Amino acid sequence: MFTKTDQELEKMGAKITTREIQQQPDLWKEAFQNYTNKKSEIDGFLKQITDKFADQKIRVIFTGAGTSAYVGDTLRPYLNRVGDTSRFVFESIPTTDIVSAPLDNLRSEDPTILVSFARSGNSPESVATVELAEKLIKNLYQITITCAPEGHLAKKAENEDANLLLLQPALSNDKGFAMTGSFSCMTLTAALIFDTNAED
């Protein structure tokens, strides 16, 4: 597909997605640089949480709507192998599960980091998940990983001390129906945050 011209791809109805797949290596470099630039802030954010709850494990809930939920599904088994499981309990719970049964998925007494993955940050169930978590969890911290600076979740995170906003490269906000760069950049960013071997 990458050898075809834009005109050929246009006729096939495949131009946008093909080019978005093709540009991913460049986006990964940018996402990594963004992470590097914010690493001290990320480390400080996590340290304040682990220091405060030094005597107990912290729930890390990866959540998202639609394909964004698969980011957490991809990360959970990997981080349960290479992440700091002495401090964190990694879970992946789709926003639809949380919204439909919040009391079954959110525990008020457990210190929790809610990691929201969102391409647009405007999905109603993603917004509702954050609202429910803020209502039900006594010690809630959030990491918002999104591709849209103008989205609801990004705007909300900008004004909250307990909510770390990590914007992804502008071109990762895919125009095609399929999530390509958005999925891989959000996955890479979260892996870098919680992988104890990320520096390698």
N, C-alpha and C. Protein backbone atom coordinates (compact mmCIF):
# COMPACT_ATOMS: atom_id res chain seq x y z
N MET A 1 0.82 -1.21 0.00
CA MET A 1 0.00 0.00 0.00
C MET A 1 0.86 1.27 0.00
N PHE A 2 2.01 1.21 0.67
CA PHE A 2 2.82 2.41 0.80
C PHE A 2 3.46 2.83 -0.52
N THR A 3 3.51 1.93 -1.48
CA THR A 3 4.12 2.26 -2.76
C THR A 3 3.14 2.90 -3.72
N LYS A 4 1.88 2.91 -3.38
CA LYS A 4 0.86 3.48 -4.26
C LYS A 4 0.85 5.00 -4.13
N THR A 5 0.45 5.66 -5.20
CA THR A 5 0.35 7.11 -5.19
C THR A 5 -0.90 7.54 -4.43
N ASP A 6 -0.93 8.81 -4.06
CA ASP A 6 -2.12 9.33 -3.39
C ASP A 6 -3.35 9.18 -4.26
N GLN A 7 -3.16 9.37 -5.57
CA GLN A 7 -4.29 9.25 -6.49
C GLN A 7 -4.84 7.82 -6.50
N GLU A 8 -3.94 6.85 -6.50
CA GLU A 8 -4.37 5.45 -6.48
C GLU A 8 -5.09 5.12 -5.18
N LEU A 9 -4.54 5.61 -4.10
CA LEU A 9 -5.16 5.35 -2.80
C LEU A 9 -6.51 6.05 -2.68
N GLU A 10 -6.60 7.22 -3.27
CA GLU A 10 -7.86 7.97 -3.25
C GLU A 10 -8.96 7.18 -3.94
N LYS A 11 -8.63 6.58 -5.06
CA LYS A 11 -9.62 5.78 -5.80
C LYS A 11 -10.07 4.58 -4.98
N MET A 12 -9.18 4.05 -4.17
CA MET A 12 -9.50 2.89 -3.34
C MET A 12 -10.20 3.28 -2.04
N GLY A 13 -10.27 4.57 -1.78
CA GLY A 13 -10.83 5.03 -0.52
C GLY A 13 -9.93 4.72 0.67
N ALA A 14 -8.62 4.66 0.40
CA ALA A 14 -7.69 4.22 1.44
C ALA A 14 -6.58 5.22 1.73
N LYS A 15 -6.69 6.42 1.20
CA LYS A 15 -5.59 7.37 1.33
C LYS A 15 -5.32 7.77 2.78
N ILE A 16 -6.35 8.16 3.49
CA ILE A 16 -6.15 8.69 4.84
C ILE A 16 -5.54 7.65 5.77
N THR A 17 -6.16 6.48 5.83
CA THR A 17 -5.67 5.46 6.77
C THR A 17 -4.28 4.96 6.40
N THR A 18 -4.02 4.80 5.09
CA THR A 18 -2.69 4.34 4.66
C THR A 18 -1.61 5.32 5.09
N ARG A 19 -1.85 6.60 4.85
CA ARG A 19 -0.85 7.60 5.22
C ARG A 19 -0.71 7.71 6.74
N GLU A 20 -1.80 7.49 7.46
CA GLU A 20 -1.72 7.56 8.92
C GLU A 20 -0.97 6.36 9.49
N ILE A 21 -1.09 5.23 8.85
CA ILE A 21 -0.28 4.08 9.26
C ILE A 21 1.19 4.35 8.96
N GLN A 22 1.44 4.92 7.79
CA GLN A 22 2.81 5.14 7.31
C GLN A 22 3.58 6.15 8.18
N GLN A 23 2.88 7.12 8.72
CA GLN A 23 3.56 8.18 9.48
C GLN A 23 3.86 7.80 10.94
N GLN A 24 3.44 6.61 11.35
CA GLN A 24 3.56 6.26 12.76
C GLN A 24 4.99 6.29 13.32
N PRO A 25 6.00 5.80 12.61
CA PRO A 25 7.36 5.88 13.19
C PRO A 25 7.77 7.30 13.58
N ASP A 26 7.39 8.28 12.76
CA ASP A 26 7.71 9.66 13.10
C ASP A 26 6.93 10.11 14.33
N LEU A 27 5.69 9.66 14.44
CA LEU A 27 4.88 10.02 15.60
C LEU A 27 5.44 9.41 16.88
N TRP A 28 5.96 8.18 16.77
CA TRP A 28 6.53 7.53 17.95
C TRP A 28 7.74 8.31 18.46
N LYS A 29 8.55 8.82 17.54
CA LYS A 29 9.70 9.63 17.95
C LYS A 29 9.24 10.89 18.68
N GLU A 30 8.17 11.50 18.14
CA GLU A 30 7.65 12.72 18.77
C GLU A 30 7.03 12.41 20.13
N ALA A 31 6.30 11.30 20.21
CA ALA A 31 5.68 10.90 21.48
C ALA A 31 6.75 10.63 22.53
N PHE A 32 7.84 9.99 22.11
CA PHE A 32 8.93 9.71 23.04
C PHE A 32 9.58 11.00 23.51
N GLN A 33 9.76 11.95 22.60
CA GLN A 33 10.35 13.23 22.98
C GLN A 33 9.43 13.98 23.94
N ASN A 34 8.13 13.92 23.68
CA ASN A 34 7.17 14.56 24.58
C ASN A 34 7.27 13.96 25.98
N TYR A 35 7.39 12.63 26.03
CA TYR A 35 7.54 11.95 27.32
C TYR A 35 8.83 12.41 28.01
N THR A 36 9.91 12.44 27.27
CA THR A 36 11.20 12.85 27.83
C THR A 36 11.12 14.26 28.41
N ASN A 37 10.45 15.15 27.69
CA ASN A 37 10.32 16.53 28.14
C ASN A 37 9.53 16.65 29.44
N LYS A 38 8.61 15.73 29.66
CA LYS A 38 7.74 15.80 30.84
C LYS A 38 8.10 14.76 31.90
N LYS A 39 9.21 14.07 31.70
CA LYS A 39 9.55 12.95 32.59
C LYS A 39 9.66 13.38 34.05
N SER A 40 10.30 14.49 34.31
CA SER A 40 10.46 14.93 35.70
C SER A 40 9.11 15.24 36.33
N GLU A 41 8.21 15.82 35.54
CA GLU A 41 6.86 16.11 36.04
C GLU A 41 6.09 14.82 36.30
N ILE A 42 6.23 13.86 35.38
CA ILE A 42 5.57 12.56 35.55
C ILE A 42 6.09 11.85 36.80
N ASP A 43 7.41 11.82 36.95
CA ASP A 43 8.02 11.15 38.10
C ASP A 43 7.57 11.80 39.41
N GLY A 44 7.51 13.12 39.41
CA GLY A 44 7.08 13.84 40.61
C GLY A 44 5.63 13.57 40.95
N PHE A 45 4.81 13.48 39.92
CA PHE A 45 3.38 13.20 40.10
C PHE A 45 3.18 11.83 40.74
N LEU A 46 3.89 10.84 40.22
CA LEU A 46 3.77 9.49 40.77
C LEU A 46 4.37 9.38 42.16
N LYS A 47 5.47 10.09 42.39
CA LYS A 47 6.14 10.01 43.69
C LYS A 47 5.26 10.55 44.81
N GLN A 48 4.55 11.63 44.53
CA GLN A 48 3.68 12.19 45.57
C GLN A 48 2.60 11.19 45.97
N ILE A 49 2.17 10.38 45.00
CA ILE A 49 1.13 9.39 45.28
C ILE A 49 1.71 8.21 46.04
N THR A 50 2.82 7.68 45.56
CA THR A 50 3.41 6.51 46.22
C THR A 50 3.93 6.85 47.61
N ASP A 51 4.40 8.08 47.80
CA ASP A 51 4.85 8.49 49.14
C ASP A 51 3.67 8.59 50.10
N LYS A 52 2.56 9.12 49.61
CA LYS A 52 1.38 9.30 50.46
C LYS A 52 0.78 7.97 50.88
N PHE A 53 0.85 7.00 49.96
CA PHE A 53 0.24 5.69 50.24
C PHE A 53 1.32 4.61 50.25
N ALA A 54 2.36 4.88 51.01
CA ALA A 54 3.52 3.97 51.05
C ALA A 54 3.19 2.61 51.64
N ASP A 55 2.12 2.55 52.41
CA ASP A 55 1.80 1.30 53.10
C ASP A 55 0.74 0.47 52.38
N GLN A 56 0.35 0.88 51.17
CA GLN A 56 -0.65 0.11 50.44
C GLN A 56 -0.44 0.22 48.93
N LYS A 57 -1.00 -0.74 48.22
CA LYS A 57 -0.89 -0.72 46.77
C LYS A 57 -1.91 0.26 46.17
N ILE A 58 -1.55 0.80 45.04
CA ILE A 58 -2.38 1.79 44.36
C ILE A 58 -2.98 1.17 43.11
N ARG A 59 -4.27 1.29 42.96
CA ARG A 59 -4.93 0.79 41.75
C ARG A 59 -4.61 1.71 40.58
N VAL A 60 -4.23 1.13 39.48
CA VAL A 60 -4.08 1.89 38.24
C VAL A 60 -5.11 1.33 37.27
N ILE A 61 -6.13 2.13 36.99
CA ILE A 61 -7.19 1.69 36.09
C ILE A 61 -7.00 2.34 34.73
N PHE A 62 -6.71 1.53 33.73
CA PHE A 62 -6.65 2.02 32.35
C PHE A 62 -8.07 1.96 31.79
N THR A 63 -8.53 3.07 31.24
CA THR A 63 -9.89 3.08 30.71
C THR A 63 -9.96 3.88 29.42
N GLY A 64 -10.96 3.58 28.63
CA GLY A 64 -11.16 4.27 27.37
C GLY A 64 -12.44 3.76 26.72
N ALA A 65 -12.88 4.48 25.71
CA ALA A 65 -14.09 4.11 24.99
C ALA A 65 -13.72 3.54 23.62
N GLY A 66 -14.38 2.46 23.23
CA GLY A 66 -14.12 1.88 21.92
C GLY A 66 -12.70 1.35 21.82
N THR A 67 -12.02 1.71 20.73
CA THR A 67 -10.65 1.24 20.52
C THR A 67 -9.70 1.73 21.62
N SER A 68 -10.00 2.88 22.20
CA SER A 68 -9.14 3.39 23.28
C SER A 68 -9.10 2.44 24.46
N ALA A 69 -10.16 1.66 24.65
CA ALA A 69 -10.17 0.67 25.74
C ALA A 69 -9.14 -0.42 25.49
N TYR A 70 -8.84 -0.68 24.22
CA TYR A 70 -7.88 -1.74 23.89
C TYR A 70 -6.45 -1.34 24.25
N VAL A 71 -6.21 -0.04 24.43
CA VAL A 71 -4.88 0.38 24.88
C VAL A 71 -4.60 -0.24 26.24
N GLY A 72 -5.55 -0.13 27.14
CA GLY A 72 -5.39 -0.73 28.45
C GLY A 72 -5.31 -2.24 28.40
N ASP A 73 -6.12 -2.84 27.53
CA ASP A 73 -6.08 -4.30 27.38
C ASP A 73 -4.70 -4.77 26.92
N THR A 74 -4.08 -3.97 26.07
CA THR A 74 -2.74 -4.29 25.56
C THR A 74 -1.68 -4.13 26.66
N LEU A 75 -1.82 -3.08 27.45
CA LEU A 75 -0.80 -2.75 28.45
C LEU A 75 -0.85 -3.62 29.70
N ARG A 76 -2.05 -3.99 30.13
CA ARG A 76 -2.20 -4.65 31.43
C ARG A 76 -1.31 -5.88 31.59
N PRO A 77 -1.36 -6.87 30.69
CA PRO A 77 -0.51 -8.05 30.90
C PRO A 77 0.99 -7.72 30.82
N TYR A 78 1.34 -6.79 29.96
CA TYR A 78 2.75 -6.39 29.84
C TYR A 78 3.24 -5.74 31.13
N LEU A 79 2.45 -4.81 31.67
CA LEU A 79 2.88 -4.11 32.88
C LEU A 79 2.81 -4.98 34.12
N ASN A 80 1.97 -5.98 34.10
CA ASN A 80 1.96 -6.92 35.22
C ASN A 80 3.22 -7.78 35.23
N ARG A 81 3.93 -7.76 34.12
CA ARG A 81 5.22 -8.47 34.03
C ARG A 81 6.40 -7.54 34.30
N VAL A 82 6.36 -6.32 33.77
CA VAL A 82 7.53 -5.44 33.86
C VAL A 82 7.30 -4.20 34.72
N GLY A 83 6.07 -3.95 35.13
CA GLY A 83 5.79 -2.78 35.96
C GLY A 83 6.09 -3.04 37.43
N ASP A 84 5.95 -1.99 38.23
CA ASP A 84 6.22 -2.10 39.67
C ASP A 84 4.97 -2.62 40.38
N THR A 85 4.81 -3.92 40.37
CA THR A 85 3.62 -4.53 40.97
C THR A 85 3.69 -4.57 42.49
N SER A 86 4.80 -4.14 43.05
CA SER A 86 4.86 -4.01 44.51
C SER A 86 4.15 -2.74 44.97
N ARG A 87 3.97 -1.79 44.04
CA ARG A 87 3.31 -0.51 44.35
C ARG A 87 1.98 -0.35 43.65
N PHE A 88 1.87 -0.93 42.45
CA PHE A 88 0.67 -0.71 41.63
C PHE A 88 -0.04 -2.01 41.30
N VAL A 89 -1.36 -1.92 41.22
CA VAL A 89 -2.19 -3.01 40.70
C VAL A 89 -2.76 -2.53 39.38
N PHE A 90 -2.33 -3.12 38.28
CA PHE A 90 -2.74 -2.67 36.95
C PHE A 90 -4.01 -3.38 36.50
N GLU A 91 -5.00 -2.59 36.09
CA GLU A 91 -6.26 -3.13 35.61
C GLU A 91 -6.70 -2.38 34.36
N SER A 92 -7.46 -3.05 33.52
CA SER A 92 -8.03 -2.43 32.33
C SER A 92 -9.54 -2.61 32.39
N ILE A 93 -10.26 -1.49 32.48
CA ILE A 93 -11.72 -1.53 32.59
C ILE A 93 -12.30 -0.53 31.59
N PRO A 94 -13.02 -0.98 30.57
CA PRO A 94 -13.61 -0.06 29.59
C PRO A 94 -14.56 0.94 30.25
N THR A 95 -14.67 2.10 29.67
CA THR A 95 -15.59 3.11 30.21
C THR A 95 -17.03 2.60 30.25
N THR A 96 -17.40 1.79 29.26
CA THR A 96 -18.77 1.29 29.23
C THR A 96 -19.06 0.41 30.44
N ASP A 97 -18.07 -0.36 30.89
CA ASP A 97 -18.25 -1.20 32.08
C ASP A 97 -18.39 -0.33 33.33
N ILE A 98 -17.57 0.70 33.41
CA ILE A 98 -17.62 1.58 34.58
C ILE A 98 -18.94 2.33 34.65
N VAL A 99 -19.37 2.87 33.52
CA VAL A 99 -20.61 3.65 33.50
C VAL A 99 -21.82 2.78 33.80
N SER A 100 -21.82 1.56 33.30
CA SER A 100 -22.98 0.69 33.49
C SER A 100 -23.01 0.06 34.88
N ALA A 101 -21.85 -0.08 35.53
CA ALA A 101 -21.80 -0.69 36.87
C ALA A 101 -20.68 -0.06 37.69
N PRO A 102 -20.81 1.21 38.04
CA PRO A 102 -19.72 1.91 38.72
C PRO A 102 -19.33 1.29 40.06
N LEU A 103 -20.30 0.84 40.83
CA LEU A 103 -19.99 0.28 42.15
C LEU A 103 -19.30 -1.07 42.07
N ASP A 104 -19.41 -1.73 40.93
CA ASP A 104 -18.72 -3.01 40.73
C ASP A 104 -17.28 -2.82 40.29
N ASN A 105 -16.95 -1.63 39.81
CA ASN A 105 -15.63 -1.40 39.22
C ASN A 105 -14.78 -0.35 39.93
N LEU A 106 -15.41 0.52 40.70
CA LEU A 106 -14.69 1.56 41.42
C LEU A 106 -14.82 1.32 42.92
N ARG A 107 -13.70 1.40 43.64
CA ARG A 107 -13.73 1.15 45.08
C ARG A 107 -13.33 2.42 45.83
N SER A 108 -14.23 2.90 46.63
CA SER A 108 -14.06 4.20 47.27
C SER A 108 -12.83 4.28 48.17
N GLU A 109 -12.47 3.18 48.83
CA GLU A 109 -11.39 3.21 49.80
C GLU A 109 -10.00 3.00 49.20
N ASP A 110 -9.95 2.53 47.96
CA ASP A 110 -8.66 2.24 47.33
C ASP A 110 -8.08 3.48 46.65
N PRO A 111 -6.87 3.91 47.02
CA PRO A 111 -6.24 5.00 46.25
C PRO A 111 -6.09 4.55 44.81
N THR A 112 -6.48 5.42 43.89
CA THR A 112 -6.60 5.02 42.48
C THR A 112 -6.02 6.07 41.55
N ILE A 113 -5.29 5.59 40.56
CA ILE A 113 -4.89 6.44 39.43
C ILE A 113 -5.73 6.01 38.24
N LEU A 114 -6.61 6.89 37.80
CA LEU A 114 -7.43 6.61 36.62
C LEU A 114 -6.70 7.15 35.39
N VAL A 115 -6.30 6.24 34.51
CA VAL A 115 -5.59 6.64 33.29
C VAL A 115 -6.59 6.59 32.13
N SER A 116 -6.99 7.76 31.67
CA SER A 116 -7.98 7.84 30.59
C SER A 116 -7.28 7.98 29.24
N PHE A 117 -7.58 7.04 28.34
CA PHE A 117 -7.08 7.12 26.97
C PHE A 117 -8.21 7.64 26.09
N ALA A 118 -7.91 8.66 25.28
CA ALA A 118 -8.97 9.24 24.46
C ALA A 118 -8.39 9.92 23.23
N ARG A 119 -8.89 9.53 22.08
CA ARG A 119 -8.47 10.23 20.86
C ARG A 119 -9.05 11.64 20.87
N SER A 120 -10.36 11.76 21.02
CA SER A 120 -10.99 13.08 21.00
C SER A 120 -11.19 13.66 22.40
N GLY A 121 -11.39 12.80 23.37
CA GLY A 121 -11.66 13.27 24.73
C GLY A 121 -13.08 13.75 24.93
N ASN A 122 -13.94 13.44 23.98
CA ASN A 122 -15.33 13.91 24.05
C ASN A 122 -16.36 12.79 24.15
N SER A 123 -15.93 11.54 24.17
CA SER A 123 -16.89 10.44 24.24
C SER A 123 -17.71 10.56 25.52
N PRO A 124 -19.04 10.51 25.41
CA PRO A 124 -19.89 10.68 26.60
C PRO A 124 -19.54 9.71 27.73
N GLU A 125 -19.22 8.45 27.37
CA GLU A 125 -18.91 7.48 28.42
C GLU A 125 -17.56 7.76 29.08
N SER A 126 -16.63 8.36 28.34
CA SER A 126 -15.35 8.72 28.94
C SER A 126 -15.52 9.87 29.93
N VAL A 127 -16.31 10.85 29.53
CA VAL A 127 -16.60 11.98 30.41
C VAL A 127 -17.34 11.50 31.66
N ALA A 128 -18.32 10.62 31.47
CA ALA A 128 -19.10 10.10 32.60
C ALA A 128 -18.24 9.27 33.54
N THR A 129 -17.29 8.51 32.99
CA THR A 129 -16.40 7.70 33.82
C THR A 129 -15.60 8.57 34.77
N VAL A 130 -15.07 9.66 34.26
CA VAL A 130 -14.31 10.59 35.09
C VAL A 130 -15.20 11.18 36.18
N GLU A 131 -16.40 11.56 35.81
CA GLU A 131 -17.32 12.15 36.79
C GLU A 131 -17.66 11.15 37.89
N LEU A 132 -17.90 9.91 37.51
CA LEU A 132 -18.22 8.87 38.50
C LEU A 132 -17.03 8.60 39.42
N ALA A 133 -15.84 8.52 38.83
CA ALA A 133 -14.65 8.26 39.64
C ALA A 133 -14.43 9.38 40.65
N GLU A 134 -14.61 10.61 40.21
CA GLU A 134 -14.43 11.75 41.11
C GLU A 134 -15.47 11.75 42.23
N LYS A 135 -16.62 11.23 41.95
CA LYS A 135 -17.69 11.18 42.94
C LYS A 135 -17.50 10.05 43.94
N LEU A 136 -17.00 8.90 43.46
CA LEU A 136 -17.00 7.70 44.28
C LEU A 136 -15.68 7.38 44.98
N ILE A 137 -14.56 7.80 44.41
CA ILE A 137 -13.25 7.42 44.96
C ILE A 137 -12.68 8.54 45.83
N LYS A 138 -12.36 8.21 47.07
CA LYS A 138 -11.90 9.22 48.02
C LYS A 138 -10.54 9.79 47.65
N ASN A 139 -9.63 8.93 47.26
CA ASN A 139 -8.27 9.37 46.89
C ASN A 139 -8.03 9.04 45.42
N LEU A 140 -8.47 9.96 44.57
CA LEU A 140 -8.38 9.75 43.13
C LEU A 140 -7.34 10.68 42.51
N TYR A 141 -6.51 10.09 41.67
CA TYR A 141 -5.56 10.84 40.84
C TYR A 141 -5.81 10.41 39.40
N GLN A 142 -5.51 11.31 38.48
CA GLN A 142 -5.79 10.99 37.08
C GLN A 142 -4.60 11.32 36.19
N ILE A 143 -4.44 10.49 35.16
CA ILE A 143 -3.53 10.78 34.07
C ILE A 143 -4.37 10.75 32.80
N THR A 144 -4.45 11.87 32.13
CA THR A 144 -5.25 11.98 30.92
C THR A 144 -4.33 11.97 29.71
N ILE A 145 -4.42 10.91 28.93
CA ILE A 145 -3.58 10.74 27.74
C ILE A 145 -4.49 10.86 26.53
N THR A 146 -4.38 11.96 25.81
CA THR A 146 -5.32 12.25 24.74
C THR A 146 -4.63 12.93 23.56
N CYS A 147 -5.27 12.85 22.42
CA CYS A 147 -4.69 13.41 21.18
C CYS A 147 -5.30 14.77 20.82
N ALA A 148 -6.30 15.22 21.59
CA ALA A 148 -7.04 16.43 21.22
C ALA A 148 -6.96 17.48 22.33
N PRO A 149 -6.13 18.50 22.15
CA PRO A 149 -6.01 19.53 23.18
C PRO A 149 -7.30 20.30 23.43
N GLU A 150 -8.20 20.30 22.44
CA GLU A 150 -9.46 21.02 22.60
C GLU A 150 -10.58 20.13 23.12
N GLY A 151 -10.28 18.86 23.35
CA GLY A 151 -11.30 17.94 23.84
C GLY A 151 -11.69 18.21 25.29
N HIS A 152 -12.84 17.67 25.67
CA HIS A 152 -13.37 17.90 27.02
C HIS A 152 -12.40 17.42 28.10
N LEU A 153 -11.86 16.22 27.94
CA LEU A 153 -10.98 15.68 28.98
C LEU A 153 -9.70 16.49 29.12
N ALA A 154 -9.15 16.95 28.00
CA ALA A 154 -7.93 17.75 28.05
C ALA A 154 -8.18 19.09 28.73
N LYS A 155 -9.26 19.73 28.37
CA LYS A 155 -9.60 21.02 28.96
C LYS A 155 -9.81 20.89 30.46
N LYS A 156 -10.47 19.83 30.85
CA LYS A 156 -10.73 19.60 32.27
C LYS A 156 -9.42 19.37 33.03
N ALA A 157 -8.54 18.57 32.45
CA ALA A 157 -7.29 18.22 33.12
C ALA A 157 -6.38 19.42 33.32
N GLU A 158 -6.48 20.40 32.43
CA GLU A 158 -5.61 21.58 32.50
C GLU A 158 -5.74 22.31 33.83
N ASN A 159 -6.90 22.23 34.43
CA ASN A 159 -7.18 23.03 35.62
C ASN A 159 -7.18 22.23 36.92
N GLU A 160 -6.65 21.01 36.89
CA GLU A 160 -6.70 20.15 38.06
C GLU A 160 -5.30 19.68 38.47
N ASP A 161 -4.94 19.93 39.72
CA ASP A 161 -3.61 19.55 40.20
C ASP A 161 -3.42 18.04 40.26
N ALA A 162 -4.50 17.31 40.53
CA ALA A 162 -4.40 15.85 40.67
C ALA A 162 -4.69 15.13 39.36
N ASN A 163 -4.54 15.86 38.26
CA ASN A 163 -4.82 15.30 36.94
C ASN A 163 -3.68 15.70 36.00
N LEU A 164 -2.86 14.72 35.65
CA LEU A 164 -1.70 14.98 34.79
C LEU A 164 -2.10 14.81 33.33
N LEU A 165 -1.99 15.89 32.57
CA LEU A 165 -2.36 15.88 31.15
C LEU A 165 -1.14 15.59 30.29
N LEU A 166 -1.24 14.56 29.46
CA LEU A 166 -0.16 14.20 28.53
C LEU A 166 -0.73 14.19 27.12
N LEU A 167 -0.52 15.29 26.42
CA LEU A 167 -1.02 15.41 25.05
C LEU A 167 -0.12 14.64 24.09
N GLN A 168 -0.73 14.02 23.12
CA GLN A 168 -0.01 13.25 22.11
C GLN A 168 0.26 14.12 20.88
N PRO A 169 1.16 13.67 19.99
CA PRO A 169 1.47 14.46 18.80
C PRO A 169 0.21 14.86 18.04
N ALA A 170 0.21 16.07 17.49
CA ALA A 170 -0.97 16.59 16.81
C ALA A 170 -1.46 15.66 15.71
N LEU A 171 -0.54 15.09 14.95
CA LEU A 171 -0.94 14.23 13.83
C LEU A 171 -1.41 12.85 14.28
N SER A 172 -1.32 12.57 15.57
CA SER A 172 -1.86 11.29 16.06
C SER A 172 -3.37 11.36 16.23
N ASN A 173 -3.93 12.55 16.12
CA ASN A 173 -5.39 12.70 16.19
C ASN A 173 -5.97 12.31 14.83
N ASP A 174 -6.06 11.00 14.62
CA ASP A 174 -6.38 10.44 13.31
C ASP A 174 -7.64 11.04 12.69
N LYS A 175 -7.57 11.25 11.39
CA LYS A 175 -8.76 11.69 10.65
C LYS A 175 -9.54 10.49 10.12
N GLY A 176 -8.87 9.37 9.94
CA GLY A 176 -9.54 8.17 9.46
C GLY A 176 -10.38 7.53 10.55
N PHE A 177 -11.26 6.63 10.14
CA PHE A 177 -12.13 5.94 11.10
C PHE A 177 -11.30 5.06 12.03
N ALA A 178 -10.33 4.37 11.46
CA ALA A 178 -9.49 3.47 12.26
C ALA A 178 -8.51 4.27 13.11
N MET A 179 -8.33 3.84 14.35
CA MET A 179 -7.33 4.46 15.21
C MET A 179 -5.97 3.82 14.92
N THR A 180 -5.04 4.62 14.46
CA THR A 180 -3.70 4.12 14.13
C THR A 180 -2.67 4.81 15.03
N GLY A 181 -2.22 5.99 14.63
CA GLY A 181 -1.25 6.71 15.43
C GLY A 181 -1.74 7.04 16.82
N SER A 182 -3.04 7.29 16.96
CA SER A 182 -3.59 7.60 18.28
C SER A 182 -3.40 6.41 19.21
N PHE A 183 -3.73 5.23 18.72
CA PHE A 183 -3.61 4.02 19.54
C PHE A 183 -2.16 3.75 19.91
N SER A 184 -1.27 3.78 18.94
CA SER A 184 0.12 3.40 19.22
C SER A 184 0.84 4.44 20.07
N CYS A 185 0.54 5.73 19.86
CA CYS A 185 1.20 6.76 20.67
C CYS A 185 0.73 6.73 22.12
N MET A 186 -0.57 6.54 22.32
CA MET A 186 -1.08 6.46 23.69
C MET A 186 -0.53 5.24 24.41
N THR A 187 -0.42 4.13 23.68
CA THR A 187 0.14 2.91 24.26
C THR A 187 1.60 3.11 24.65
N LEU A 188 2.37 3.71 23.75
CA LEU A 188 3.79 3.96 24.01
C LEU A 188 3.97 4.86 25.23
N THR A 189 3.19 5.92 25.30
CA THR A 189 3.32 6.87 26.41
C THR A 189 3.05 6.21 27.75
N ALA A 190 1.97 5.45 27.84
CA ALA A 190 1.64 4.79 29.10
C ALA A 190 2.67 3.73 29.47
N ALA A 191 3.17 3.03 28.47
CA ALA A 191 4.20 2.02 28.74
C ALA A 191 5.46 2.68 29.31
N LEU A 192 5.83 3.82 28.75
CA LEU A 192 7.01 4.53 29.24
C LEU A 192 6.83 4.98 30.69
N ILE A 193 5.62 5.36 31.04
CA ILE A 193 5.34 5.84 32.40
C ILE A 193 5.51 4.73 33.43
N PHE A 194 4.97 3.56 33.12
CA PHE A 194 4.86 2.51 34.14
C PHE A 194 5.84 1.34 33.97
N ASP A 195 6.54 1.28 32.85
CA ASP A 195 7.51 0.21 32.64
C ASP A 195 8.77 0.53 33.44
N THR A 196 9.12 -0.33 34.36
CA THR A 196 10.30 -0.07 35.20
C THR A 196 11.60 -0.11 34.40
N ASN A 197 11.56 -0.67 33.20
CA ASN A 197 12.74 -0.73 32.34
C ASN A 197 12.68 0.28 31.21
N ALA A 198 11.84 1.30 31.35
CA ALA A 198 11.62 2.26 30.26
C ALA A 198 12.89 2.95 29.81
N GLU A 199 13.80 3.17 30.74
CA GLU A 199 15.04 3.87 30.39
C GLU A 199 15.89 3.05 29.43
N ASP A 200 15.70 1.74 29.41
CA ASP A 200 16.46 0.88 28.51
C ASP A 200 15.88 0.88 27.11
